[in-house]
C-alpha atoms as a PDB file:
ATOM      1  CA  MET A   1      31.140 -47.475   5.955  1.00  0.00           C
ATOM      2  CA  ILE A   2      27.245 -47.452   3.616  1.00  0.00           C
ATOM      3  CA  GLY A   3      27.632 -50.230   1.686  1.00  0.00           C
ATOM      4  CA  SER A   4      30.084 -52.357  -0.492  1.00  0.00           C
ATOM      5  CA  ALA A   5      30.065 -53.934  -4.107  1.00  0.00           C
ATOM      6  CA  PRO A   6      31.383 -56.569  -5.949  1.00  0.00           C
ATOM      7  CA  LEU A   7      33.321 -55.939  -9.116  1.00  0.00           C
ATOM      8  CA  CYS A   8      32.484 -57.520 -12.295  1.00  0.00           C
ATOM      9  CA  ASP A   9      35.344 -60.673 -11.405  1.00  0.00           C
ATOM     10  CA  ASP A  10      34.155 -60.825  -8.154  1.00  0.00           C
ATOM     11  CA  SER A  11      38.007 -61.171  -6.873  1.00  0.00           C
ATOM     12  CA  ASP A  12      37.334 -57.761  -5.108  1.00  0.00           C
ATOM     13  CA  VAL A  13      34.990 -55.501  -2.858  1.00  0.00           C
ATOM     14  CA  LEU A  14      34.836 -51.454  -3.712  1.00  0.00           C
ATOM     15  CA  GLU A  15      33.917 -50.639  -0.082  1.00  0.00           C
ATOM     16  CA  PHE A  16      31.558 -46.838   0.111  1.00  0.00           C
ATOM     17  CA  ARG A  17      31.656 -43.994   2.765  1.00  0.00           C
ATOM     18  CA  ARG A  18      30.373 -41.143   2.792  1.00  0.00           C
ATOM     19  CA  ALA A  19      33.126 -37.862   2.676  1.00  0.00           C
ATOM     20  CA  ASP A  20      33.442 -34.013   3.183  1.00  0.00           C
ATOM     21  CA  ALA A  21      33.515 -33.387  -0.736  1.00  0.00           C
ATOM     22  CA  ALA A  22      35.517 -30.148   0.565  1.00  0.00           C
ATOM     23  CA  ALA A  23      38.114 -32.525   1.860  1.00  0.00           C
ATOM     24  CA  PRO A  24      40.668 -35.051   0.657  1.00  0.00           C
ATOM     25  CA  PRO A  25      39.921 -38.219  -0.644  1.00  0.00           C
ATOM     26  CA  ALA A  26      36.850 -36.238  -1.994  1.00  0.00           C
ATOM     27  CA  ALA A  27      38.287 -33.214  -2.795  1.00  0.00           C
ATOM     28  CA  ASP A  28      41.103 -34.317  -4.498  1.00  0.00           C
ATOM     29  CA  LEU A  29      38.565 -36.967  -6.876  1.00  0.00           C
ATOM     30  CA  ILE A  30      36.492 -33.662  -7.450  1.00  0.00           C
ATOM     31  CA  GLU A  31      39.616 -31.671  -8.804  1.00  0.00           C
ATOM     32  CA  ALA A  32      41.124 -34.591 -10.891  1.00  0.00           C
ATOM     33  CA  MET A  33      37.276 -35.668 -12.625  1.00  0.00           C
ATOM     34  CA  VAL A  34      37.686 -31.155 -13.775  1.00  0.00           C
ATOM     35  CA  ALA A  35      40.938 -31.809 -14.540  1.00  0.00           C
ATOM     36  CA  GLU A  36      39.961 -34.435 -16.804  1.00  0.00           C
ATOM     37  CA  MET A  37      37.451 -32.710 -18.553  1.00  0.00           C
ATOM     38  CA  VAL A  38      39.525 -29.339 -19.323  1.00  0.00           C
ATOM     39  CA  PRO A  39      40.934 -31.582 -23.554  1.00  0.00           C
ATOM     40  CA  LEU A  40      37.443 -32.846 -23.354  1.00  0.00           C
ATOM     41  CA  TYR A  41      34.873 -29.185 -22.936  1.00  0.00           C
ATOM     42  CA  GLY A  42      37.521 -26.685 -20.948  1.00  0.00           C
ATOM     43  CA  ASN A  43      37.206 -25.052 -17.808  1.00  0.00           C
ATOM     44  CA  ILE A  44      33.370 -26.820 -16.499  1.00  0.00           C
ATOM     45  CA  ASN A  45      33.307 -24.726 -13.384  1.00  0.00           C
ATOM     46  CA  VAL A  46      32.468 -21.542 -14.998  1.00  0.00           C
ATOM     47  CA  PRO A  47      29.567 -19.626 -13.617  1.00  0.00           C
ATOM     48  CA  GLU A  48      27.261 -20.091 -16.826  1.00  0.00           C
ATOM     49  CA  ALA A  49      27.186 -23.943 -15.802  1.00  0.00           C
ATOM     50  CA  PRO A  50      25.553 -25.593 -13.441  1.00  0.00           C
ATOM     51  CA  SER A  51      27.180 -25.979  -9.570  1.00  0.00           C
ATOM     52  CA  ALA A  52      28.279 -28.841  -7.653  1.00  0.00           C
ATOM     53  CA  THR A  53      30.069 -27.137  -4.546  1.00  0.00           C
ATOM     54  CA  PRO A  54      31.076 -29.208  -1.525  1.00  0.00           C
ATOM     55  CA  ALA A  55      27.631 -27.471   0.516  1.00  0.00           C
ATOM     56  CA  GLU A  56      25.460 -28.348  -2.554  1.00  0.00           C
ATOM     57  CA  MET A  57      27.101 -31.958  -2.163  1.00  0.00           C
ATOM     58  CA  GLY A  58      26.383 -32.319   1.490  1.00  0.00           C
ATOM     59  CA  PRO A  59      24.391 -32.196   4.443  1.00  0.00           C
ATOM     60  CA  PRO A  60      21.126 -31.909   4.802  1.00  0.00           C
ATOM     61  CA  GLY A  61      20.170 -32.233   1.235  1.00  0.00           C
ATOM     62  CA  GLY A  62      23.103 -33.829  -0.260  1.00  0.00           C
ATOM     63  CA  SER A  63      25.793 -36.179  -0.156  1.00  0.00           C
ATOM     64  CA  PHE A  64      29.645 -37.008  -1.597  1.00  0.00           C
ATOM     65  CA  VAL A  65      30.855 -40.752  -1.837  1.00  0.00           C
ATOM     66  CA  VAL A  66      34.139 -42.198  -1.944  1.00  0.00           C
ATOM     67  CA  GLY A  67      34.788 -46.052  -3.328  1.00  0.00           C
ATOM     68  CA  TYR A  68      37.807 -47.471  -1.269  1.00  0.00           C
ATOM     69  CA  GLU A  69      39.565 -50.754  -3.090  1.00  0.00           C
ATOM     70  CA  ASP A  70      42.138 -52.433  -0.540  1.00  0.00           C
ATOM     71  CA  GLY A  71      41.762 -48.705   1.421  1.00  0.00           C
ATOM     72  CA  GLU A  72      42.667 -46.889  -1.444  1.00  0.00           C
ATOM     73  CA  PRO A  73      39.996 -43.784  -3.185  1.00  0.00           C
ATOM     74  CA  ILE A  74      39.059 -44.823  -6.677  1.00  0.00           C
ATOM     75  CA  CYS A  75      36.225 -43.470  -7.118  1.00  0.00           C
ATOM     76  CA  GLY A  76      33.706 -40.581  -6.483  1.00  0.00           C
ATOM     77  CA  GLY A  77      30.635 -38.818  -6.957  1.00  0.00           C
ATOM     78  CA  GLY A  78      27.807 -36.281  -5.509  1.00  0.00           C
ATOM     79  CA  VAL A  79      24.068 -35.784  -5.092  1.00  0.00           C
ATOM     80  CA  LYS A  80      22.332 -32.493  -4.386  1.00  0.00           C
ATOM     81  CA  ARG A  81      18.895 -31.407  -4.302  1.00  0.00           C
ATOM     82  CA  LEU A  82      17.362 -29.893  -7.336  1.00  0.00           C
ATOM     83  CA  PRO A  83      14.942 -26.791  -6.203  1.00  0.00           C
ATOM     84  CA  ASP A  84      12.330 -28.970  -7.235  1.00  0.00           C
ATOM     85  CA  GLY A  85      12.829 -31.416  -4.564  1.00  0.00           C
ATOM     86  CA  ALA A  86      14.842 -34.476  -7.076  1.00  0.00           C
ATOM     87  CA  CYS A  87      18.095 -34.590  -6.936  1.00  0.00           C
ATOM     88  CA  GLU A  88      21.793 -33.810  -9.614  1.00  0.00           C
ATOM     89  CA  ILE A  89      24.429 -36.865  -9.031  1.00  0.00           C
ATOM     90  CA  LYS A  90      27.163 -34.882 -10.278  1.00  0.00           C
ATOM     91  CA  ARG A  91      31.237 -35.703 -10.240  1.00  0.00           C
ATOM     92  CA  MET A  92      30.978 -39.233 -11.044  1.00  0.00           C
ATOM     93  CA  TYR A  93      34.636 -39.570 -11.156  1.00  0.00           C
ATOM     94  CA  VAL A  94      36.657 -43.182 -11.955  1.00  0.00           C
ATOM     95  CA  VAL A  95      40.905 -42.979 -11.739  1.00  0.00           C
ATOM     96  CA  PRO A  96      42.065 -44.328 -14.430  1.00  0.00           C
ATOM     97  CA  GLN A  97      43.811 -47.426 -13.208  1.00  0.00           C
ATOM     98  CA  ALA A  98      40.395 -48.793 -11.895  1.00  0.00           C
ATOM     99  CA  ARG A  99      38.667 -48.597 -15.222  1.00  0.00           C
ATOM    100  CA  GLY A 100      36.864 -51.062 -17.499  1.00  0.00           C
ATOM    101  CA  ARG A 101      35.643 -53.064 -14.176  1.00  0.00           C
ATOM    102  CA  GLY A 102      32.835 -51.994 -13.685  1.00  0.00           C
ATOM    103  CA  ILE A 103      33.574 -49.528 -10.645  1.00  0.00           C
ATOM    104  CA  ALA A 104      31.567 -46.866 -12.460  1.00  0.00           C
ATOM    105  CA  LYS A 105      28.467 -48.921 -12.827  1.00  0.00           C
ATOM    106  CA  ALA A 106      29.141 -49.394  -8.734  1.00  0.00           C
ATOM    107  CA  LEU A 107      29.123 -46.198  -8.084  1.00  0.00           C
ATOM    108  CA  LEU A 108      26.348 -44.970  -9.534  1.00  0.00           C
ATOM    109  CA  VAL A 109      24.003 -48.278  -7.879  1.00  0.00           C
ATOM    110  CA  ALA A 110      25.830 -46.641  -4.298  1.00  0.00           C
ATOM    111  CA  LEU A 111      24.951 -42.701  -5.299  1.00  0.00           C
ATOM    112  CA  GLU A 112      21.422 -43.544  -6.277  1.00  0.00           C
ATOM    113  CA  ASP A 113      21.063 -45.626  -2.573  1.00  0.00           C
ATOM    114  CA  GLU A 114      22.195 -42.500  -0.985  1.00  0.00           C
ATOM    115  CA  ALA A 115      20.126 -40.482  -2.908  1.00  0.00           C
ATOM    116  CA  ARG A 116      16.559 -43.211  -1.737  1.00  0.00           C
ATOM    117  CA  ALA A 117      18.784 -42.679   1.961  1.00  0.00           C
ATOM    118  CA  LEU A 118      18.079 -39.062   1.837  1.00  0.00           C
ATOM    119  CA  GLY A 119      14.333 -39.040   0.771  1.00  0.00           C
ATOM    120  CA  TYR A 120      14.925 -38.650  -3.206  1.00  0.00           C
ATOM    121  CA  SER A 121      12.455 -40.168  -5.404  1.00  0.00           C
ATOM    122  CA  THR A 122      13.726 -38.876  -8.354  1.00  0.00           C
ATOM    123  CA  ALA A 123      17.026 -38.959  -9.772  1.00  0.00           C
ATOM    124  CA  ARG A 124      18.511 -36.414 -12.715  1.00  0.00           C
ATOM    125  CA  LEU A 125      22.085 -36.105 -14.921  1.00  0.00           C
ATOM    126  CA  ASP A 126      23.941 -34.974 -17.704  1.00  0.00           C
ATOM    127  CA  THR A 127      26.703 -35.533 -19.452  1.00  0.00           C
ATOM    128  CA  GLY A 128      28.495 -34.092 -22.393  1.00  0.00           C
ATOM    129  CA  PRO A 129      29.039 -35.240 -26.188  1.00  0.00           C
ATOM    130  CA  GLN A 130      32.828 -36.574 -25.788  1.00  0.00           C
ATOM    131  CA  GLN A 131      31.555 -38.591 -22.680  1.00  0.00           C
ATOM    132  CA  PRO A 132      29.081 -41.842 -25.268  1.00  0.00           C
ATOM    133  CA  HIS A 133      30.486 -44.205 -22.783  1.00  0.00           C
ATOM    134  CA  ALA A 134      28.777 -42.618 -19.342  1.00  0.00           C
ATOM    135  CA  GLU A 135      25.589 -42.093 -22.084  1.00  0.00           C
ATOM    136  CA  ARG A 136      25.445 -45.534 -22.898  1.00  0.00           C
ATOM    137  CA  MET A 137      25.586 -46.533 -19.313  1.00  0.00           C
ATOM    138  CA  TYR A 138      23.065 -44.041 -17.703  1.00  0.00           C
ATOM    139  CA  ARG A 139      20.719 -45.930 -19.915  1.00  0.00           C
ATOM    140  CA  SER A 140      21.786 -48.792 -19.086  1.00  0.00           C
ATOM    141  CA  ALA A 141      20.880 -48.588 -15.892  1.00  0.00           C
ATOM    142  CA  GLY A 142      17.195 -47.180 -16.391  1.00  0.00           C
ATOM    143  CA  TYR A 143      18.065 -43.660 -16.806  1.00  0.00           C
ATOM    144  CA  GLN A 144      15.635 -41.769 -19.013  1.00  0.00           C
ATOM    145  CA  ASP A 145      15.813 -39.192 -21.765  1.00  0.00           C
ATOM    146  CA  ILE A 146      14.258 -36.238 -20.827  1.00  0.00           C
ATOM    147  CA  GLY A 147      14.239 -31.839 -21.865  1.00  0.00           C
ATOM    148  CA  ASN A 148      17.634 -29.875 -20.565  1.00  0.00           C
ATOM    149  CA  PHE A 149      16.771 -29.212 -16.779  1.00  0.00           C
ATOM    150  CA  ASN A 150      19.962 -28.087 -15.538  1.00  0.00           C
ATOM    151  CA  ALA A 151      20.727 -25.346 -18.637  1.00  0.00           C
ATOM    152  CA  ASN A 152      24.568 -26.902 -18.319  1.00  0.00           C
ATOM    153  CA  PRO A 153      26.119 -25.831 -21.721  1.00  0.00           C
ATOM    154  CA  PHE A 154      28.398 -28.502 -21.663  1.00  0.00           C
ATOM    155  CA  ALA A 155      25.919 -31.452 -21.659  1.00  0.00           C
ATOM    156  CA  SER A 156      24.064 -33.324 -24.674  1.00  0.00           C
ATOM    157  CA  TYR A 157      22.197 -35.691 -22.622  1.00  0.00           C
ATOM    158  CA  TRP A 158      19.976 -35.762 -19.798  1.00  0.00           C
ATOM    159  CA  GLY A 159      18.533 -38.176 -17.870  1.00  0.00           C
ATOM    160  CA  GLU A 160      15.769 -39.708 -14.979  1.00  0.00           C
ATOM    161  CA  LYS A 161      15.176 -42.084 -13.163  1.00  0.00           C
ATOM    162  CA  ARG A 162      12.644 -42.960 -10.472  1.00  0.00           C
ATOM    163  CA  LEU A 163      14.711 -43.757  -7.535  1.00  0.00           C
END
């Protein structure tokens, strides 16, 4: 276990653990996230989009974190190294039945903590126009608007935060 966070109703605790992004449950969460994007943007795993491979979200420069509630994996996300020494937060996902309880915010904090543990002082991320809720969450978490750092054809918001 790398950490835990109380949920917004204080009735449950979310436990975060590092995981191999190429193996379940992390791979299942990534697959669900990518499938959920298809109706919004089409296939996001295309050569023109920024990569987020299991190897990139693994040691030594990356990590993938899975959040568990009552032993069940309910969220996940990754950190990958960028060429300039910052990191990018990738593939954040919360299962539909767990949404609306502050889990995405807790996951973002866990990913920022993981980025700090990997030695990063700056985190970047992006989101698309069909996900205004994600953009609002990132802004409220302290991400500042920046330019299109990763040439993501599906994104409309790019943010950066000093860790």
